């Protein structure tokens, strides 16, 4: 049986983002990966049921990656066995007028998971140090004091944002939210192939936008800022995992197994015990129900 050590994908500062592969050897025998995936997915859903009853922790899963890196299909497959009440997915797009009337973290705060539940951020608060970094003119939409032009953005602006994001994640972690962040590390060539498939398959045409090609020309800028952001914000309480994403099935398994491995470390997650008086009278309640006509 093949195994994957999920610690291999954890960003601990010993390597740069560019040192992480976009593809690794798939040593699983035929159908073995699918079998292990289904087993782990079922085990995670059972653990989530226990977490829901325990009602002390929540889990925030953050997914980032270049366009076509497989975020949507990963969410669909990884959380397929979850009870619908146990997971909520938020896809953050361009901030709307209401969201722009608040600070950039506001819309993420109000989407945080309740105790006992999972929230998946499909694109996250990191867009505010990625897309806005590549396109700094977007910052002007936030109507920030003292910033009337791109040239007026101070040099320390982005470092301050990293600090604010780390503080945000520390705050929610200290209050019971388990934070796990995944960068789906896709190669430029694999993206090209996936974009071509979008054009070739009518049912996927709707996903294609000419803007995809414009952003693709900024590939190196995005990677550079991803590397900087991940390096500045991968902390013990909110680690980044850099997942090779050229192979979609393997990427999904790595994310699934990572979530499961981390949650297994929380030994205090268990079903609540019945009140002593209720426990003592279980046979009485059973008899009462059985004698109903």
Protein backbone atom coordinates (compact mmCIF):
# COMPACT_ATOMS: atom_id res chain seq x y z
CA UNK A 1 0.00 0.00 0.00
CA UNK A 2 1.34 3.41 -0.97
CA UNK A 3 1.39 6.21 1.58
CA UNK A 4 1.87 9.95 1.44
CA UNK A 5 3.50 11.96 4.21
CA UNK A 6 1.46 15.15 4.32
CA UNK A 7 4.24 16.89 6.27
CA UNK A 8 6.23 16.96 3.02
CA UNK A 9 3.89 19.64 1.70
CA UNK A 10 3.89 21.89 4.76
CA UNK A 11 5.55 25.27 4.24
CA UNK A 12 7.92 25.68 7.19
CA UNK A 13 10.29 28.27 5.75
CA UNK A 14 13.05 25.81 4.94
CA UNK A 15 12.19 26.00 1.21
CA UNK A 16 10.99 28.69 -1.14
CA UNK A 17 7.72 28.28 -3.02
CA UNK A 18 9.67 27.71 -6.24
CA UNK A 19 11.30 24.64 -4.65
CA UNK A 20 7.96 22.83 -4.31
CA UNK A 21 7.02 20.58 -7.24
CA UNK A 22 3.82 20.91 -9.24
CA UNK A 23 3.79 17.16 -9.82
CA UNK A 24 5.05 14.14 -7.89
CA UNK A 25 5.28 10.46 -8.69
CA UNK A 26 1.99 8.64 -8.29
CA UNK A 27 3.07 5.31 -6.82
CA UNK A 28 -0.42 4.08 -6.09
CA UNK A 29 -1.46 0.83 -7.73
CA UNK A 30 -4.42 0.94 -10.08
CA UNK A 31 -7.60 1.94 -8.20
CA UNK A 32 -5.67 2.08 -4.89
CA UNK A 33 -5.75 5.87 -4.75
CA UNK A 34 -9.52 5.93 -5.29
CA UNK A 35 -10.02 3.31 -2.60
CA UNK A 36 -7.90 5.13 -0.02
CA UNK A 37 -9.54 8.42 -0.94
CA UNK A 38 -13.03 7.05 -0.31
CA UNK A 39 -11.97 5.44 2.98
CA UNK A 40 -10.37 8.63 4.29
CA UNK A 41 -13.29 10.76 3.07
CA UNK A 42 -15.72 8.56 5.01
CA UNK A 43 -13.50 8.69 8.10
CA UNK A 44 -13.32 12.49 7.90
CA UNK A 45 -17.09 12.80 7.61
CA UNK A 46 -17.49 10.60 10.71
CA UNK A 47 -14.97 12.77 12.55
CA UNK A 48 -16.93 15.85 11.50
CA UNK A 49 -20.11 14.35 13.00
CA UNK A 50 -18.24 13.95 16.28
CA UNK A 51 -16.88 17.50 16.01
CA UNK A 52 -20.40 18.82 15.39
CA UNK A 53 -21.67 17.14 18.56
CA UNK A 54 -18.59 18.25 20.54
CA UNK A 55 -19.32 21.86 19.50
CA UNK A 56 -16.03 23.44 20.60
CA UNK A 57 -13.94 23.66 17.43
CA UNK A 58 -14.62 24.91 13.95
CA UNK A 59 -12.46 24.35 10.87
CA UNK A 60 -11.52 26.91 8.22
CA UNK A 61 -10.13 25.51 4.97
CA UNK A 62 -8.53 28.13 2.72
CA UNK A 63 -7.93 27.26 -0.93
CA UNK A 64 -5.79 29.38 -3.22
CA UNK A 65 -4.33 28.67 -6.63
CA UNK A 66 -4.02 29.90 -10.17
CA UNK A 67 -7.07 29.68 -12.40
CA UNK A 68 -7.84 26.04 -13.38
CA UNK A 69 -5.88 24.67 -10.41
CA UNK A 70 -8.88 22.49 -9.48
CA UNK A 71 -10.40 24.22 -6.45
CA UNK A 72 -14.06 23.62 -7.37
CA UNK A 73 -13.72 19.93 -8.13
CA UNK A 74 -11.55 19.43 -5.04
CA UNK A 75 -14.27 20.90 -2.82
CA UNK A 76 -16.90 18.71 -4.48
CA UNK A 77 -14.93 15.50 -4.01
CA UNK A 78 -13.30 16.05 -0.60
CA UNK A 79 -16.51 17.05 1.22
CA UNK A 80 -18.87 14.76 -0.69
CA UNK A 81 -19.71 12.55 2.32
CA UNK A 82 -20.29 15.42 4.75
CA UNK A 83 -23.68 16.05 6.25
CA UNK A 84 -24.84 19.21 4.48
CA UNK A 85 -25.30 20.98 7.82
CA UNK A 86 -21.61 20.48 8.60
CA UNK A 87 -19.89 22.44 5.82
CA UNK A 88 -20.41 25.79 4.10
CA UNK A 89 -18.50 26.92 1.01
CA UNK A 90 -17.81 30.58 0.29
CA UNK A 91 -16.50 31.69 -3.10
CA UNK A 92 -15.11 35.19 -2.76
CA UNK A 93 -15.24 37.22 -5.94
CA UNK A 94 -14.63 40.92 -6.61
CA UNK A 95 -15.88 42.87 -3.55
CA UNK A 96 -19.32 44.39 -4.06
CA UNK A 97 -20.34 47.91 -3.04
CA UNK A 98 -21.49 46.83 0.43
CA UNK A 99 -18.27 44.94 1.11
CA UNK A 100 -16.19 47.91 -0.01
CA UNK A 101 -17.88 50.02 2.66
CA UNK A 102 -16.05 47.89 5.23
CA UNK A 103 -12.41 46.93 5.77
CA UNK A 104 -11.10 44.17 3.51
CA UNK A 105 -11.34 41.44 6.19
CA UNK A 106 -14.97 42.15 7.10
CA UNK A 107 -16.57 39.87 4.53
CA UNK A 108 -14.31 37.04 5.65
CA UNK A 109 -15.07 37.54 9.34
CA UNK A 110 -18.81 37.22 8.77
CA UNK A 111 -18.28 34.02 6.77
CA UNK A 112 -16.31 32.22 9.50
CA UNK A 113 -17.66 28.79 10.51
CA UNK A 114 -19.84 28.21 13.53
CA UNK A 115 -18.55 25.89 16.24
CA UNK A 116 -18.72 22.29 15.11
CA UNK A 117 -18.71 23.20 11.42
CA UNK A 118 -16.37 23.52 8.47
CA UNK A 119 -16.12 26.56 6.21
CA UNK A 120 -14.28 26.39 2.91
CA UNK A 121 -13.00 29.63 1.44
CA UNK A 122 -12.67 29.17 -2.32
CA UNK A 123 -10.28 32.06 -2.85
CA UNK A 124 -9.74 33.85 0.40
CA UNK A 125 -8.63 36.94 2.27
CA UNK A 126 -5.28 36.40 0.53
CA UNK A 127 -6.72 37.86 -2.64
CA UNK A 128 -6.16 41.17 -0.86
CA UNK A 129 -2.39 40.70 -1.05
CA UNK A 130 -2.32 38.86 -4.39
CA UNK A 131 -4.71 40.28 -6.98
CA UNK A 132 -4.39 43.74 -5.47
CA UNK A 133 -0.62 43.37 -5.48
CA UNK A 134 -0.53 42.50 -9.17
CA UNK A 135 -3.16 45.17 -9.86
CA UNK A 136 -2.52 47.83 -7.18
CA UNK A 137 -5.09 50.14 -8.79
CA UNK A 138 -7.75 47.91 -7.18
CA UNK A 139 -6.69 49.25 -3.79
CA UNK A 140 -8.18 52.61 -4.75
CA UNK A 141 -11.66 51.00 -4.66
CA UNK A 142 -11.23 50.58 -0.90
CA UNK A 143 -11.24 54.37 -0.44
CA UNK A 144 -8.49 54.26 2.19
CA UNK A 145 -7.38 57.45 3.97
CA UNK A 146 -4.29 59.01 2.42
CA UNK A 147 -4.27 56.77 -0.66
CA UNK A 148 -5.61 58.70 -3.63
CA UNK A 149 -3.38 57.09 -6.26
CA UNK A 150 -1.27 53.99 -6.81
CA UNK A 151 1.84 56.10 -6.25
CA UNK A 152 0.53 57.02 -2.79
CA UNK A 153 0.49 53.39 -1.58
CA UNK A 154 3.27 53.35 1.06
CA UNK A 155 6.16 50.90 0.79
CA UNK A 156 5.22 49.17 4.05
CA UNK A 157 1.55 48.75 3.00
CA UNK A 158 1.82 45.07 2.04
CA UNK A 159 3.91 44.10 5.07
CA UNK A 160 1.20 45.68 7.23
CA UNK A 161 -1.44 43.62 5.45
CA UNK A 162 0.52 40.44 6.11
CA UNK A 163 0.68 41.41 9.77
CA UNK A 164 -3.08 42.10 9.85
CA UNK A 165 -3.83 38.73 8.23
CA UNK A 166 -1.59 36.88 10.69
CA UNK A 167 -3.34 38.67 13.58
CA UNK A 168 -6.74 37.76 12.11
CA UNK A 169 -5.80 34.09 11.86
CA UNK A 170 -4.21 34.04 15.32
CA UNK A 171 -7.34 35.57 16.79
CA UNK A 172 -9.72 33.00 15.34
CA UNK A 173 -7.32 30.13 16.11
CA UNK A 174 -7.13 31.19 19.76
CA UNK A 175 -10.92 31.07 19.85
CA UNK A 176 -11.28 27.52 18.57
CA UNK A 177 -11.02 27.72 14.78
CA UNK A 178 -8.58 25.24 13.22
CA UNK A 179 -7.06 27.03 10.23
CA UNK A 180 -5.56 25.12 7.28
CA UNK A 181 -4.41 26.86 4.10
CA UNK A 182 -3.68 25.12 0.80
CA UNK A 183 -1.94 26.51 -2.26
CA UNK A 184 -2.69 24.32 -5.29
CA UNK A 185 0.65 24.49 -7.05
CA UNK A 186 -0.07 24.27 -10.78
CA UNK A 187 2.47 24.46 -13.60
CA UNK A 188 2.00 27.00 -16.38
CA UNK A 189 1.98 24.24 -19.01
CA UNK A 190 -0.74 22.30 -17.19
CA UNK A 191 -2.83 25.45 -16.98
CA UNK A 192 -2.42 25.90 -20.74
CA UNK A 193 -3.71 22.37 -21.34
CA UNK A 194 -6.69 22.88 -19.02
CA UNK A 195 -7.61 26.17 -20.69
CA UNK A 196 -7.50 24.43 -24.05
CA UNK A 197 -9.84 21.73 -22.73
CA UNK A 198 -12.25 24.44 -21.60
CA UNK A 199 -12.36 25.70 -25.16
CA UNK A 200 -12.72 22.23 -26.66
CA UNK A 201 -15.54 20.96 -24.43
CA UNK A 202 -18.87 22.80 -24.87
CA UNK A 203 -20.00 22.05 -21.31
CA UNK A 204 -16.89 23.83 -19.97
CA UNK A 205 -16.91 26.77 -22.38
CA UNK A 206 -18.73 28.95 -19.88
CA UNK A 207 -15.73 28.81 -17.54
CA UNK A 208 -13.46 30.46 -20.08
CA UNK A 209 -12.90 34.21 -20.15
CA UNK A 210 -10.49 36.21 -22.32
CA UNK A 211 -9.36 37.71 -19.02
CA UNK A 212 -7.82 34.31 -18.20
CA UNK A 213 -5.25 34.87 -20.93
CA UNK A 214 -4.47 38.39 -19.71
CA UNK A 215 -3.86 37.14 -16.18
CA UNK A 216 -1.79 34.25 -17.52
CA UNK A 217 0.69 36.78 -18.92
CA UNK A 218 1.25 37.90 -15.32
CA UNK A 219 2.09 34.36 -14.15
CA UNK A 220 5.53 35.20 -12.74
CA UNK A 221 4.19 38.22 -10.87
CA UNK A 222 1.52 36.10 -9.23
CA UNK A 223 4.00 33.38 -8.26
CA UNK A 224 6.36 35.95 -6.81
CA UNK A 225 3.63 37.48 -4.63
CA UNK A 226 2.26 34.07 -3.66
CA UNK A 227 5.73 33.15 -2.45
CA UNK A 228 6.05 36.34 -0.46
CA UNK A 229 2.59 36.02 1.10
CA UNK A 230 3.00 32.36 2.01
CA UNK A 231 6.42 32.98 3.52
CA UNK A 232 5.08 35.86 5.62
CA UNK A 233 1.93 34.12 6.87
CA UNK A 234 2.61 30.40 7.29
CA UNK A 235 2.47 30.08 11.07
CA UNK A 236 2.07 27.22 13.54
CA UNK A 237 -1.61 28.00 14.18
CA UNK A 238 -2.39 28.66 10.51
CA UNK A 239 0.05 26.73 8.31
CA UNK A 240 0.27 26.73 4.52
CA UNK A 241 0.51 23.49 2.56
CA UNK A 242 1.85 23.63 -0.99
CA UNK A 243 0.08 20.87 -2.90
CA UNK A 244 1.30 19.62 -6.30
CA UNK A 245 -1.77 20.23 -8.45
CA UNK A 246 -0.89 18.99 -11.95
CA UNK A 247 -2.52 15.66 -11.01
CA UNK A 248 -6.02 16.52 -9.78
CA UNK A 249 -6.79 13.20 -8.11
CA UNK A 250 -3.54 13.16 -6.18
CA UNK A 251 -3.97 16.80 -5.14
CA UNK A 252 -7.42 16.06 -3.74
CA UNK A 253 -6.09 13.12 -1.79
CA UNK A 254 -3.22 15.16 -0.30
CA UNK A 255 -5.63 17.88 0.86
CA UNK A 256 -8.09 15.34 2.27
CA UNK A 257 -5.40 13.36 4.08
CA UNK A 258 -3.83 16.54 5.47
CA UNK A 259 -7.13 17.71 6.96
CA UNK A 260 -7.74 14.29 8.48
CA UNK A 261 -4.20 14.00 9.89
CA UNK A 262 -4.43 17.39 11.56
CA UNK A 263 -7.85 16.78 13.11
CA UNK A 264 -6.76 13.43 14.53
CA UNK A 265 -4.32 15.32 16.75
CA UNK A 266 -7.24 16.87 18.64
CA UNK A 267 -7.77 14.07 21.13
CA UNK A 268 -10.40 16.01 23.08
CA UNK A 269 -12.89 15.89 20.21
CA UNK A 270 -15.47 13.33 21.27
CA UNK A 271 -19.19 12.79 21.56
CA UNK A 272 -20.69 14.42 24.68
CA UNK A 273 -21.54 12.07 27.53
CA UNK A 274 -25.13 11.75 28.67
CA UNK A 275 -26.19 13.31 31.92
CA UNK A 276 -25.81 10.74 34.74
CA UNK A 277 -29.53 10.79 35.53
CA UNK A 278 -30.44 10.22 31.87
CA UNK A 279 -27.85 7.43 31.60
CA UNK A 280 -29.29 5.69 34.66
CA UNK A 281 -32.81 5.74 33.21
CA UNK A 282 -32.10 4.62 29.66
CA UNK A 283 -33.84 1.28 30.19
CA UNK A 284 -36.92 3.09 31.53
CA UNK A 285 -37.08 5.37 28.48
CA UNK A 286 -36.60 2.40 26.17
CA UNK A 287 -39.43 0.48 27.87
CA UNK A 288 -41.73 3.51 27.64
CA UNK A 289 -41.10 3.82 23.90
CA UNK A 290 -41.50 0.09 23.28
CA UNK A 291 -44.83 0.03 25.13
CA UNK A 292 -46.34 2.83 23.06
CA UNK A 293 -49.31 1.73 20.98
